[in-house]
Amino acid sequence: MVVDEGDNHPLALEAPRLELPLFRLRYFNPGKAKLTLLYGNDTLSHPEYDIQLLAPQLVGVSSQELTLDQEIRSPANPARATSVRVFWATLIIAVLVVMALLVRLLRVEKTA
């Protein structure tokens, strides 16, 4: 790579690094129950657990790799659908009002 520094001091470039962030989810499953990953639902409360109480069960226990099943969409929330409709209706009305004001102002300037 050639960098034209111009009047600036040369930059000290090091060898490039590729970083691939990896996210993992770790579940504590006391039994053989099926695990369900829930996301995107604002009505759910945050998980609450006391790590001090779980520590003896977590430390030194090997983890097990799992694969996720097909994503299942939750039923539509009618309250959210209504709020989306209200948002778009308000936005369209606001745009129409602004356009009407612009037309009115342009007509006033043409006549003046």
Protein backbone atom coordinates (compact mmCIF):
# COMPACT_ATOMS: atom_id res chain seq x y z
CA MET A 1 0.00 0.00 0.00
CA VAL A 2 1.35 3.42 -0.93
CA VAL A 3 0.01 6.43 0.94
CA ASP A 4 0.68 10.00 -0.23
CA GLU A 5 1.28 11.84 3.04
CA GLY A 6 1.63 15.29 1.47
CA ASP A 7 3.01 17.72 4.08
CA ASN A 8 2.01 15.47 7.00
CA HIS A 9 4.33 13.18 8.91
CA PRO A 10 4.21 9.60 7.67
CA LEU A 11 1.72 7.39 9.49
CA ALA A 12 3.11 4.38 11.29
CA LEU A 13 1.13 1.54 9.72
CA GLU A 14 1.25 -1.91 11.24
CA ALA A 15 0.29 -5.20 9.67
CA PRO A 16 -3.49 -5.31 9.11
CA ARG A 17 -5.66 -7.50 11.35
CA LEU A 18 -8.95 -9.09 10.55
CA GLU A 19 -11.40 -9.12 13.45
CA LEU A 20 -14.44 -11.35 13.31
CA PRO A 21 -16.65 -10.67 16.33
CA LEU A 22 -18.42 -13.79 17.52
CA PHE A 23 -21.51 -13.76 19.65
CA ARG A 24 -22.57 -16.76 21.68
CA LEU A 25 -25.56 -17.39 23.85
CA ARG A 26 -25.17 -19.53 26.93
CA TYR A 27 -28.25 -21.01 28.53
CA PHE A 28 -28.53 -22.70 31.88
CA ASN A 29 -30.90 -25.61 31.49
CA PRO A 30 -31.51 -27.54 34.72
CA GLY A 31 -33.58 -30.22 33.03
CA LYS A 32 -34.18 -31.67 29.60
CA ALA A 33 -36.74 -29.01 28.69
CA LYS A 34 -36.68 -27.50 25.22
CA LEU A 35 -35.01 -24.07 25.11
CA THR A 36 -36.68 -21.18 23.32
CA LEU A 37 -34.86 -18.02 22.25
CA LEU A 38 -37.19 -14.99 22.40
CA TYR A 39 -36.14 -11.69 20.86
CA GLY A 40 -37.80 -8.58 19.52
CA ASN A 41 -40.60 -8.70 22.08
CA ASP A 42 -40.55 -5.55 24.21
CA THR A 43 -43.25 -6.87 26.54
CA LEU A 44 -40.93 -9.50 28.03
CA SER A 45 -39.13 -8.64 31.25
CA HIS A 46 -35.36 -8.86 31.50
CA PRO A 47 -33.97 -12.12 32.88
CA GLU A 48 -33.14 -12.12 36.56
CA TYR A 49 -30.65 -14.51 38.09
CA ASP A 50 -28.18 -14.53 40.92
CA ILE A 51 -24.79 -15.66 39.63
CA GLN A 52 -23.63 -16.39 43.19
CA LEU A 53 -26.36 -19.01 43.56
CA LEU A 54 -25.72 -20.51 40.10
CA ALA A 55 -21.91 -20.50 40.37
CA PRO A 56 -21.55 -24.04 41.80
CA GLN A 57 -23.65 -25.39 38.92
CA LEU A 58 -21.82 -23.40 36.22
CA VAL A 59 -18.15 -23.57 37.20
CA GLY A 60 -16.38 -26.58 35.78
CA VAL A 61 -19.36 -27.78 33.75
CA SER A 62 -18.68 -28.44 30.09
CA SER A 63 -20.82 -26.69 27.53
CA GLN A 64 -22.78 -28.36 24.78
CA GLU A 65 -23.13 -26.95 21.26
CA LEU A 66 -26.69 -26.52 20.01
CA THR A 67 -28.05 -25.45 16.66
CA LEU A 68 -31.02 -23.15 16.27
CA ASP A 69 -34.24 -24.41 14.70
CA GLN A 70 -36.07 -22.52 12.00
CA GLU A 71 -37.24 -19.08 13.10
CA ILE A 72 -40.90 -19.01 14.10
CA ARG A 73 -42.71 -15.71 13.89
CA SER A 74 -44.90 -14.82 16.84
CA PRO A 75 -48.52 -13.87 16.15
CA ALA A 76 -49.02 -10.28 15.04
CA ASN A 77 -49.56 -7.77 17.80
CA PRO A 78 -52.71 -5.73 16.94
CA ALA A 79 -51.65 -2.82 19.16
CA ARG A 80 -48.38 -2.47 17.25
CA ALA A 81 -50.15 -2.66 13.89
CA THR A 82 -52.44 0.16 15.00
CA SER A 83 -49.54 2.33 16.13
CA VAL A 84 -47.78 1.78 12.78
CA ARG A 85 -50.92 2.84 10.92
CA VAL A 86 -51.28 5.94 13.11
CA PHE A 87 -47.63 6.83 12.46
CA TRP A 88 -47.96 6.58 8.67
CA ALA A 89 -51.29 8.43 8.63
CA THR A 90 -49.78 11.26 10.69
CA LEU A 91 -46.73 11.41 8.44
CA ILE A 92 -48.85 11.55 5.27
CA ILE A 93 -51.07 14.29 6.72
CA ALA A 94 -48.00 16.31 7.77
CA VAL A 95 -46.49 16.01 4.28
CA LEU A 96 -49.76 17.12 2.67
CA VAL A 97 -50.00 20.13 5.01
CA VAL A 98 -46.42 21.18 4.23
CA MET A 99 -47.04 20.79 0.49
CA ALA A 100 -50.23 22.88 0.75
CA LEU A 101 -48.34 25.62 2.60
CA LEU A 102 -45.59 25.61 -0.05
CA VAL A 103 -48.13 25.89 -2.88
CA ARG A 104 -49.87 28.73 -1.07
CA LEU A 105 -46.59 30.59 -0.49
CA LEU A 106 -45.51 30.14 -4.10
CA ARG A 107 -48.85 31.46 -5.36
CA VAL A 108 -48.58 34.52 -3.08
CA GLU A 109 -45.07 35.28 -4.39
CA LYS A 110 -46.15 34.99 -8.05
CA THR A 111 -48.94 37.52 -7.55
CA ALA A 112 -46.74 39.97 -5.61
